[in-house]
Protein backbone atom coordinates (compact mmCIF):
# COMPACT_ATOMS: atom_id res chain seq x y z
CA MET A 1 184.78 231.39 -37.26
CA ARG A 2 182.08 230.60 -34.73
CA HIS A 3 184.12 230.05 -31.60
CA ASN A 4 181.88 229.84 -28.52
CA ASN A 5 178.90 230.77 -30.68
CA LYS A 6 176.20 228.13 -30.09
CA ILE A 7 173.65 229.64 -32.45
CA ASN A 8 173.19 227.62 -35.63
CA HIS A 9 172.60 230.26 -38.32
CA LEU A 10 171.43 227.55 -40.78
CA GLY A 11 173.22 229.39 -43.62
CA ARG A 12 170.75 232.30 -43.47
CA THR A 13 170.67 235.89 -42.28
CA TYR A 14 168.91 236.83 -39.04
CA ALA A 15 165.72 238.09 -40.75
CA HIS A 16 165.52 235.06 -43.04
CA ARG A 17 166.12 232.61 -40.20
CA ASP A 18 163.57 234.31 -37.90
CA ALA A 19 160.88 234.30 -40.62
CA MET A 20 161.55 230.63 -41.40
CA LEU A 21 161.27 229.55 -37.75
CA SER A 22 158.08 231.60 -37.35
CA ASN A 23 156.47 229.87 -40.33
CA MET A 24 157.57 226.44 -39.08
CA ALA A 25 156.11 227.18 -35.63
CA VAL A 26 152.75 228.14 -37.16
CA SER A 27 152.74 224.92 -39.23
CA LEU A 28 153.55 222.84 -36.14
CA ILE A 29 150.69 224.42 -34.18
CA GLN A 30 148.23 223.81 -37.01
CA HIS A 31 149.24 220.27 -38.04
CA LYS A 32 150.80 219.06 -34.73
CA ARG A 33 153.63 217.37 -36.72
CA ILE A 34 155.98 218.48 -39.51
CA PHE A 35 158.86 216.82 -41.39
CA THR A 36 162.12 218.73 -41.69
CA THR A 37 165.89 218.36 -41.25
CA LEU A 38 167.39 217.58 -37.89
CA ALA A 39 169.22 220.92 -37.60
CA LYS A 40 166.06 222.95 -38.28
CA ALA A 41 164.03 220.83 -35.85
CA LYS A 42 166.49 221.46 -33.03
CA GLU A 43 166.36 225.22 -33.62
CA LEU A 44 162.56 225.11 -33.87
CA ARG A 45 162.36 223.41 -30.48
CA LYS A 46 164.27 226.30 -28.89
CA TYR A 47 161.97 228.76 -30.64
CA ILE A 48 158.51 227.31 -29.92
CA GLU A 49 158.76 225.84 -26.43
CA PRO A 50 159.07 229.25 -24.67
CA LEU A 51 155.98 230.38 -26.61
CA ILE A 52 154.02 227.32 -25.44
CA THR A 53 155.04 228.08 -21.85
CA LYS A 54 153.73 231.65 -22.32
CA SER A 55 150.35 230.28 -23.44
CA LYS A 56 149.75 228.76 -19.98
CA THR A 57 148.99 232.25 -18.64
CA ASP A 58 146.17 233.62 -20.79
CA THR A 59 146.73 237.35 -20.45
CA THR A 60 146.83 240.21 -22.92
CA HIS A 61 150.55 240.68 -22.42
CA SER A 62 151.39 237.02 -23.12
CA ARG A 63 149.13 237.03 -26.20
CA ARG A 64 150.92 240.11 -27.58
CA ILE A 65 154.34 238.51 -27.09
CA VAL A 66 153.26 235.30 -28.82
CA PHE A 67 151.60 237.18 -31.69
CA LYS A 68 154.82 239.20 -32.16
CA ASN A 69 156.69 235.96 -32.89
CA LEU A 70 154.04 234.02 -34.82
CA SER A 71 152.15 236.78 -36.73
CA SER A 72 149.12 234.49 -37.17
CA LYS A 73 145.80 235.05 -35.40
CA PHE A 74 144.69 231.48 -36.05
CA ALA A 75 147.87 230.03 -34.54
CA VAL A 76 147.58 232.27 -31.45
CA LYS A 77 143.94 231.27 -30.95
CA GLU A 78 144.76 227.56 -31.37
CA LEU A 79 147.69 227.83 -28.98
CA PHE A 80 145.86 229.60 -26.15
CA GLN A 81 142.50 227.80 -26.37
CA GLU A 82 143.33 224.18 -27.25
CA ILE A 83 147.03 223.39 -26.84
CA SER A 84 147.43 225.19 -23.52
CA GLN A 85 144.60 223.06 -22.05
CA LYS A 86 146.36 219.82 -23.01
CA ILE A 87 149.84 220.76 -21.80
CA GLY A 88 148.71 222.53 -18.64
CA ASP A 89 150.13 219.86 -16.30
CA ARG A 90 153.36 219.32 -18.24
CA PRO A 91 156.36 221.26 -16.84
CA GLY A 92 158.26 221.26 -20.15
CA GLY A 93 159.33 219.11 -23.06
CA TYR A 94 156.32 219.81 -25.23
CA THR A 95 157.89 218.53 -28.46
CA ARG A 96 159.46 215.27 -29.61
CA ILE A 97 162.04 214.75 -32.39
CA ILE A 98 162.23 211.35 -34.12
CA LYS A 99 164.86 210.71 -36.80
CA THR A 100 163.74 209.26 -40.14
CA GLY A 101 167.07 208.66 -41.92
CA ASN A 102 169.05 210.64 -44.51
CA ARG A 103 167.75 212.56 -47.51
CA LEU A 104 168.61 211.23 -50.96
CA GLY A 105 169.68 214.51 -52.54
CA ASP A 106 172.24 215.93 -50.11
CA ASN A 107 172.33 213.12 -47.50
CA ALA A 108 171.04 215.48 -44.81
CA SER A 109 169.64 213.80 -41.68
CA THR A 110 165.85 214.19 -41.65
CA CYS A 111 163.29 213.83 -38.87
CA PHE A 112 159.82 214.86 -37.81
CA ILE A 113 158.99 217.08 -34.85
CA GLU A 114 155.62 216.74 -33.14
CA LEU A 115 153.71 217.86 -30.08
CA VAL A 116 153.98 215.18 -27.42
CA ASP A 117 150.38 215.26 -26.16
CA TYR A 118 148.89 214.76 -29.64
CA ASN A 119 150.46 211.39 -30.45
CA GLU A 120 147.82 208.91 -29.33
CA LEU A 121 150.00 205.88 -30.06
CA MET A 122 152.61 206.85 -27.48
CA LEU A 123 150.20 208.04 -24.80
CA LYS A 124 149.76 205.39 -22.14
CA ASP A 125 147.76 205.45 -18.94
CA LYS A 126 150.41 205.53 -16.27
CA ALA A 127 149.59 203.60 -13.12
CA PRO A 128 149.97 205.52 -9.83
CA ALA A 129 153.46 205.13 -8.42
CA LYS A 130 153.68 202.95 -5.33
CA ALA A 131 155.11 204.45 -2.16
CA LYS A 132 158.58 203.04 -1.62
CA THR A 133 159.66 202.10 1.90
CA ARG A 134 163.27 202.46 2.85
CA ARG A 135 164.89 200.19 5.40
CA SER A 136 167.73 201.56 7.47
CA ARG A 137 169.91 199.77 10.00
CA ARG A 138 170.37 202.81 12.18
CA GLY A 139 168.96 202.97 15.69
CA GLY A 140 169.50 199.32 16.71
CA GLY A 141 168.24 196.93 14.15
CA LYS A 142 166.47 194.48 16.49
CA ASP A 143 164.73 197.17 18.56
CA ALA A 144 163.48 198.99 15.45
CA ALA A 145 162.21 195.73 13.99
CA ALA A 146 160.45 194.87 17.25
CA THR A 147 158.74 198.27 17.40
CA ALA A 148 157.73 197.99 13.75
CA THR A 149 156.15 194.59 14.34
CA ALA A 150 154.43 195.84 17.49
CA GLU A 151 152.86 198.79 15.68
CA VAL A 152 151.47 196.68 12.86
CA PRO A 153 148.53 194.58 14.13
CA GLU A 154 148.65 190.99 13.12
CA THR A 155 145.83 189.92 10.91
CA VAL A 156 144.93 186.31 11.48
CA ALA A 157 143.40 184.68 8.47
CA PRO A 158 140.21 182.75 9.29
CA LYS A 159 140.68 179.03 9.32
CA LYS A 160 138.95 177.22 6.57
CA GLU A 161 136.71 174.43 7.78
CA PRO A 162 137.38 171.13 6.06
CA LYS A 163 134.69 170.27 3.61
CA ALA A 164 132.76 167.07 4.25
CA LYS A 165 133.61 164.43 1.78
CA VAL A 166 130.61 163.12 -0.06
CA GLU A 167 131.05 159.58 -1.23
CA LYS A 168 129.33 158.75 -4.43
CA ILE A 169 127.65 155.33 -4.29
CA LYS A 170 127.24 153.63 -7.58
CA VAL A 171 123.93 151.75 -7.87
CA GLU A 172 124.25 148.73 -10.08
CA GLU A 173 121.19 148.27 -12.24
CA PRO A 174 119.91 144.65 -12.56
CA VAL A 175 120.62 143.11 -15.87
CA VAL A 176 117.43 141.80 -17.47
CA GLU A 177 118.02 138.89 -19.78
CA THR A 178 115.72 139.02 -22.75
CA PRO A 179 114.75 135.57 -24.12
CA VAL A 180 115.99 134.96 -27.57
CA GLU A 181 113.55 133.07 -29.79
CA GLU A 182 115.11 130.19 -31.59
CA VAL A 183 114.42 130.34 -35.26
CA PRO A 184 113.98 126.84 -36.75
CA ALA A 185 116.50 125.97 -39.31
CA VAL A 186 115.13 125.99 -42.80
CA GLU A 187 115.72 122.70 -44.50
CA GLU A 188 116.54 122.96 -48.07
CA VAL A 189 114.12 120.74 -50.05
CA LEU A 190 114.96 120.04 -53.56
CA VAL A 191 111.76 119.75 -55.57
CA VAL A 192 112.27 117.40 -58.48
CA GLU A 193 109.53 117.49 -61.06
CA GLU A 194 108.71 114.04 -62.43
CA VAL A 195 108.72 113.99 -66.18
CA PRO A 196 105.99 111.60 -67.54
CA ALA A 197 107.35 108.61 -69.33
CA VAL A 198 106.77 108.52 -73.03
CA GLU A 199 104.73 105.48 -73.96
CA GLU A 200 106.13 103.48 -76.77
CA VAL A 201 103.55 103.08 -79.56
CA PRO A 202 103.75 99.69 -81.26
CA VAL A 203 104.55 99.90 -84.81
CA VAL A 204 101.80 98.30 -86.90
CA GLU A 205 103.09 96.56 -89.92
CA GLU A 206 101.10 97.17 -92.99
CA THR A 207 99.88 93.92 -94.45
CA PRO A 208 99.59 93.81 -98.15
CA ALA A 209 96.04 93.72 -99.38
CA VAL A 210 94.91 90.38 -100.83
CA ILE A 211 92.71 90.77 -103.75
CA THR A 212 90.56 87.78 -104.29
CA GLU A 213 88.75 87.34 -107.41
CA VAL A 214 85.19 86.26 -106.98
CA SER A 215 83.83 84.20 -109.70
CA ASP A 216 80.47 84.72 -111.25
CA THR A 217 79.15 81.51 -109.99
CA GLU A 218 79.75 82.38 -106.41
CA GLU A 219 78.01 85.67 -106.82
CA LYS A 220 74.95 83.92 -108.10
CA LYS A 221 74.85 81.75 -105.13
């Protein structure tokens, strides 16, 4: 029974639990983020945040106390030289726990725990907070308003002189008519070549040859 006992023993003895938290703290200082179960992360937050607060005062006594819990020279050197410079202005809350769902084997809720000042995605340049003015109705509302308006000098904005209107005059350019030369119409002339007439040649009839016999007496003559 653990009535009124707020310590989560995590199913381990004191020596086992203390050694486990010490190793997890060294890993968180070295890697700036570790994945673990939600119950272990909550116990690790209680374990490491007082040690980070101790690192703000760099003395021999605070170094000995931190080394007693961490048992790692590298982790102590990293904590006092680098991490303490980043979290110097932060009054607390050096770690952040973000849930990542349940584990497949035993359905345990898992998460990752990280140092807040080392997550560049969530760091944002915060704008300086504006001074808020509070209005109260005590002390005669009209008198207080009158004194407030009297104290604040009125700033008269300079009057803007009206700008002279410049009228744009459009100059019409004379239209020059260019003479258009009339092209004479081309008459279509049909050239007909005269074919020479074929002369008809008269057909000469062949007359039969007349053979006349000449007698011997005529030849003698």
